[in-house]
Amino acid sequence: MATIIMVNKIVDKGLLKRIYQEVKHMLDILEIAREDGMEQGWQKGRLEGRLEGRLEGTFKGKAESKFEMARGFKQDGIDLAIISKHSGLSIEKIKEL
């Protein structure tokens, strides 16, 4: 900020206004990126929680049910590593489903 204030002595007011608008735009972009990252994190956490809840729920301990749920999550596009983590099935086995 001190640099911009010092530049005011050398650069005309119109250029300073344009610089200010660019900086303001960059800050808007950073805010949008932060919000997007939060949304992606929320969605991933929701999917992981859903998977974990289903696996620990009524189907817990039933190998056949784990395969059925893993197959369904795979069809829903959930990351294979996440399915593997919560189902105990190997990624290779999930790929075969």
C-alpha atoms as a PDB file:
ATOM      1  CA  MET A   1       0.000   0.000   0.000  1.00  0.00           C
ATOM      2  CA  ALA A   2       2.872   2.350   0.793  1.00  0.00           C
ATOM      3  CA  THR A   3       4.199   1.793  -2.706  1.00  0.00           C
ATOM      4  CA  ILE A   4       0.885   2.861  -4.232  1.00  0.00           C
ATOM      5  CA  ILE A   5       0.824   5.967  -2.052  1.00  0.00           C
ATOM      6  CA  MET A   6       4.376   6.840  -3.117  1.00  0.00           C
ATOM      7  CA  VAL A   7       3.504   6.171  -6.767  1.00  0.00           C
ATOM      8  CA  ASN A   8       0.797   8.795  -6.447  1.00  0.00           C
ATOM      9  CA  LYS A   9       3.570  11.406  -6.554  1.00  0.00           C
ATOM     10  CA  ILE A  10       4.793  10.103  -9.934  1.00  0.00           C
ATOM     11  CA  VAL A  11       1.745   8.548 -11.643  1.00  0.00           C
ATOM     12  CA  ASP A  12      -1.465  10.323 -12.561  1.00  0.00           C
ATOM     13  CA  LYS A  13      -4.727   9.624 -10.779  1.00  0.00           C
ATOM     14  CA  GLY A  14      -6.294   7.825 -13.772  1.00  0.00           C
ATOM     15  CA  LEU A  15      -3.581   5.153 -13.812  1.00  0.00           C
ATOM     16  CA  LEU A  16      -3.877   4.708 -10.063  1.00  0.00           C
ATOM     17  CA  LYS A  17      -7.622   4.132 -10.454  1.00  0.00           C
ATOM     18  CA  ARG A  18      -6.983   1.450 -13.092  1.00  0.00           C
ATOM     19  CA  ILE A  19      -4.388  -0.243 -10.833  1.00  0.00           C
ATOM     20  CA  TYR A  20      -6.860  -0.129  -7.952  1.00  0.00           C
ATOM     21  CA  GLN A  21      -9.570  -1.769 -10.087  1.00  0.00           C
ATOM     22  CA  GLU A  22      -7.165  -4.576 -11.101  1.00  0.00           C
ATOM     23  CA  VAL A  23      -6.156  -5.236  -7.498  1.00  0.00           C
ATOM     24  CA  LYS A  24      -9.819  -5.224  -6.477  1.00  0.00           C
ATOM     25  CA  HIS A  25     -10.589  -7.711  -9.280  1.00  0.00           C
ATOM     26  CA  MET A  26      -7.740 -10.001  -8.144  1.00  0.00           C
ATOM     27  CA  LEU A  27      -9.135  -9.997  -4.607  1.00  0.00           C
ATOM     28  CA  ASP A  28     -12.569 -10.940  -5.981  1.00  0.00           C
ATOM     29  CA  ILE A  29     -10.988 -13.861  -7.866  1.00  0.00           C
ATOM     30  CA  LEU A  30      -9.251 -15.066  -4.694  1.00  0.00           C
ATOM     31  CA  GLU A  31     -12.549 -14.947  -2.797  1.00  0.00           C
ATOM     32  CA  ILE A  32     -14.294 -16.940  -5.545  1.00  0.00           C
ATOM     33  CA  ALA A  33     -11.481 -19.529  -5.494  1.00  0.00           C
ATOM     34  CA  ARG A  34     -11.724 -19.811  -1.703  1.00  0.00           C
ATOM     35  CA  GLU A  35     -15.486 -20.328  -1.858  1.00  0.00           C
ATOM     36  CA  ASP A  36     -15.077 -22.927  -4.617  1.00  0.00           C
ATOM     37  CA  GLY A  37     -12.492 -24.813  -2.547  1.00  0.00           C
ATOM     38  CA  MET A  38     -14.789 -24.803   0.458  1.00  0.00           C
ATOM     39  CA  GLU A  39     -17.669 -26.137  -1.653  1.00  0.00           C
ATOM     40  CA  GLN A  40     -15.517 -28.947  -3.052  1.00  0.00           C
ATOM     41  CA  GLY A  41     -14.310 -29.867   0.427  1.00  0.00           C
ATOM     42  CA  TRP A  42     -17.865 -29.884   1.736  1.00  0.00           C
ATOM     43  CA  GLN A  43     -19.026 -32.157  -1.091  1.00  0.00           C
ATOM     44  CA  LYS A  44     -16.128 -34.578  -0.599  1.00  0.00           C
ATOM     45  CA  GLY A  45     -16.750 -34.709   3.157  1.00  0.00           C
ATOM     46  CA  ARG A  46     -20.441 -35.317   2.589  1.00  0.00           C
ATOM     47  CA  LEU A  47     -19.737 -38.210   0.221  1.00  0.00           C
ATOM     48  CA  GLU A  48     -17.217 -39.756   2.603  1.00  0.00           C
ATOM     49  CA  GLY A  49     -19.630 -39.401   5.510  1.00  0.00           C
ATOM     50  CA  ARG A  50     -22.417 -40.968   3.493  1.00  0.00           C
ATOM     51  CA  LEU A  51     -20.215 -43.880   2.515  1.00  0.00           C
ATOM     52  CA  GLU A  52     -18.961 -44.422   6.036  1.00  0.00           C
ATOM     53  CA  GLY A  53     -22.466 -44.213   7.488  1.00  0.00           C
ATOM     54  CA  ARG A  54     -23.822 -46.755   5.069  1.00  0.00           C
ATOM     55  CA  LEU A  55     -20.957 -49.143   5.663  1.00  0.00           C
ATOM     56  CA  GLU A  56     -21.276 -48.878   9.437  1.00  0.00           C
ATOM     57  CA  GLY A  57     -25.068 -49.072   9.369  1.00  0.00           C
ATOM     58  CA  THR A  58     -27.279 -52.026   8.706  1.00  0.00           C
ATOM     59  CA  PHE A  59     -24.851 -53.658   6.287  1.00  0.00           C
ATOM     60  CA  LYS A  60     -21.873 -53.689   8.659  1.00  0.00           C
ATOM     61  CA  GLY A  61     -20.049 -56.985   8.696  1.00  0.00           C
ATOM     62  CA  LYS A  62     -21.830 -58.444   5.695  1.00  0.00           C
ATOM     63  CA  ALA A  63     -19.277 -59.065   2.963  1.00  0.00           C
ATOM     64  CA  GLU A  64     -21.869 -59.390   0.219  1.00  0.00           C
ATOM     65  CA  SER A  65     -23.473 -56.096   1.208  1.00  0.00           C
ATOM     66  CA  LYS A  66     -20.063 -54.400   1.128  1.00  0.00           C
ATOM     67  CA  PHE A  67     -19.670 -55.527  -2.459  1.00  0.00           C
ATOM     68  CA  GLU A  68     -23.151 -54.266  -3.356  1.00  0.00           C
ATOM     69  CA  MET A  69     -22.554 -50.890  -1.726  1.00  0.00           C
ATOM     70  CA  ALA A  70     -19.071 -50.572  -3.214  1.00  0.00           C
ATOM     71  CA  ARG A  71     -20.553 -51.303  -6.639  1.00  0.00           C
ATOM     72  CA  GLY A  72     -23.217 -48.628  -6.115  1.00  0.00           C
ATOM     73  CA  PHE A  73     -20.706 -46.028  -4.940  1.00  0.00           C
ATOM     74  CA  LYS A  74     -18.479 -46.848  -7.901  1.00  0.00           C
ATOM     75  CA  GLN A  75     -21.444 -46.280 -10.227  1.00  0.00           C
ATOM     76  CA  ASP A  76     -22.098 -42.948  -8.443  1.00  0.00           C
ATOM     77  CA  GLY A  77     -18.575 -41.875  -9.384  1.00  0.00           C
ATOM     78  CA  ILE A  78     -17.098 -41.864  -5.891  1.00  0.00           C
ATOM     79  CA  ASP A  79     -13.316 -42.104  -5.856  1.00  0.00           C
ATOM     80  CA  LEU A  80     -12.112 -45.725  -5.632  1.00  0.00           C
ATOM     81  CA  ALA A  81      -9.588 -44.887  -2.901  1.00  0.00           C
ATOM     82  CA  ILE A  82     -12.401 -43.534  -0.709  1.00  0.00           C
ATOM     83  CA  ILE A  83     -14.533 -46.625  -1.339  1.00  0.00           C
ATOM     84  CA  SER A  84     -11.561 -48.833  -0.522  1.00  0.00           C
ATOM     85  CA  LYS A  85     -10.774 -46.912   2.676  1.00  0.00           C
ATOM     86  CA  HIS A  86     -14.273 -47.312   4.090  1.00  0.00           C
ATOM     87  CA  SER A  87     -15.230 -50.737   2.742  1.00  0.00           C
ATOM     88  CA  GLY A  88     -11.989 -52.602   3.382  1.00  0.00           C
ATOM     89  CA  LEU A  89     -12.049 -53.842  -0.209  1.00  0.00           C
ATOM     90  CA  SER A  90      -8.975 -53.445  -2.393  1.00  0.00           C
ATOM     91  CA  ILE A  91      -9.078 -50.999  -5.273  1.00  0.00           C
ATOM     92  CA  GLU A  92      -8.464 -53.910  -7.631  1.00  0.00           C
ATOM     93  CA  LYS A  93     -11.507 -55.744  -6.239  1.00  0.00           C
ATOM     94  CA  ILE A  94     -13.641 -52.609  -6.570  1.00  0.00           C
ATOM     95  CA  LYS A  95     -12.542 -52.220 -10.199  1.00  0.00           C
ATOM     96  CA  GLU A  96     -13.845 -55.751 -10.865  1.00  0.00           C
ATOM     97  CA  LEU A  97     -17.339 -54.912  -9.572  1.00  0.00           C
END
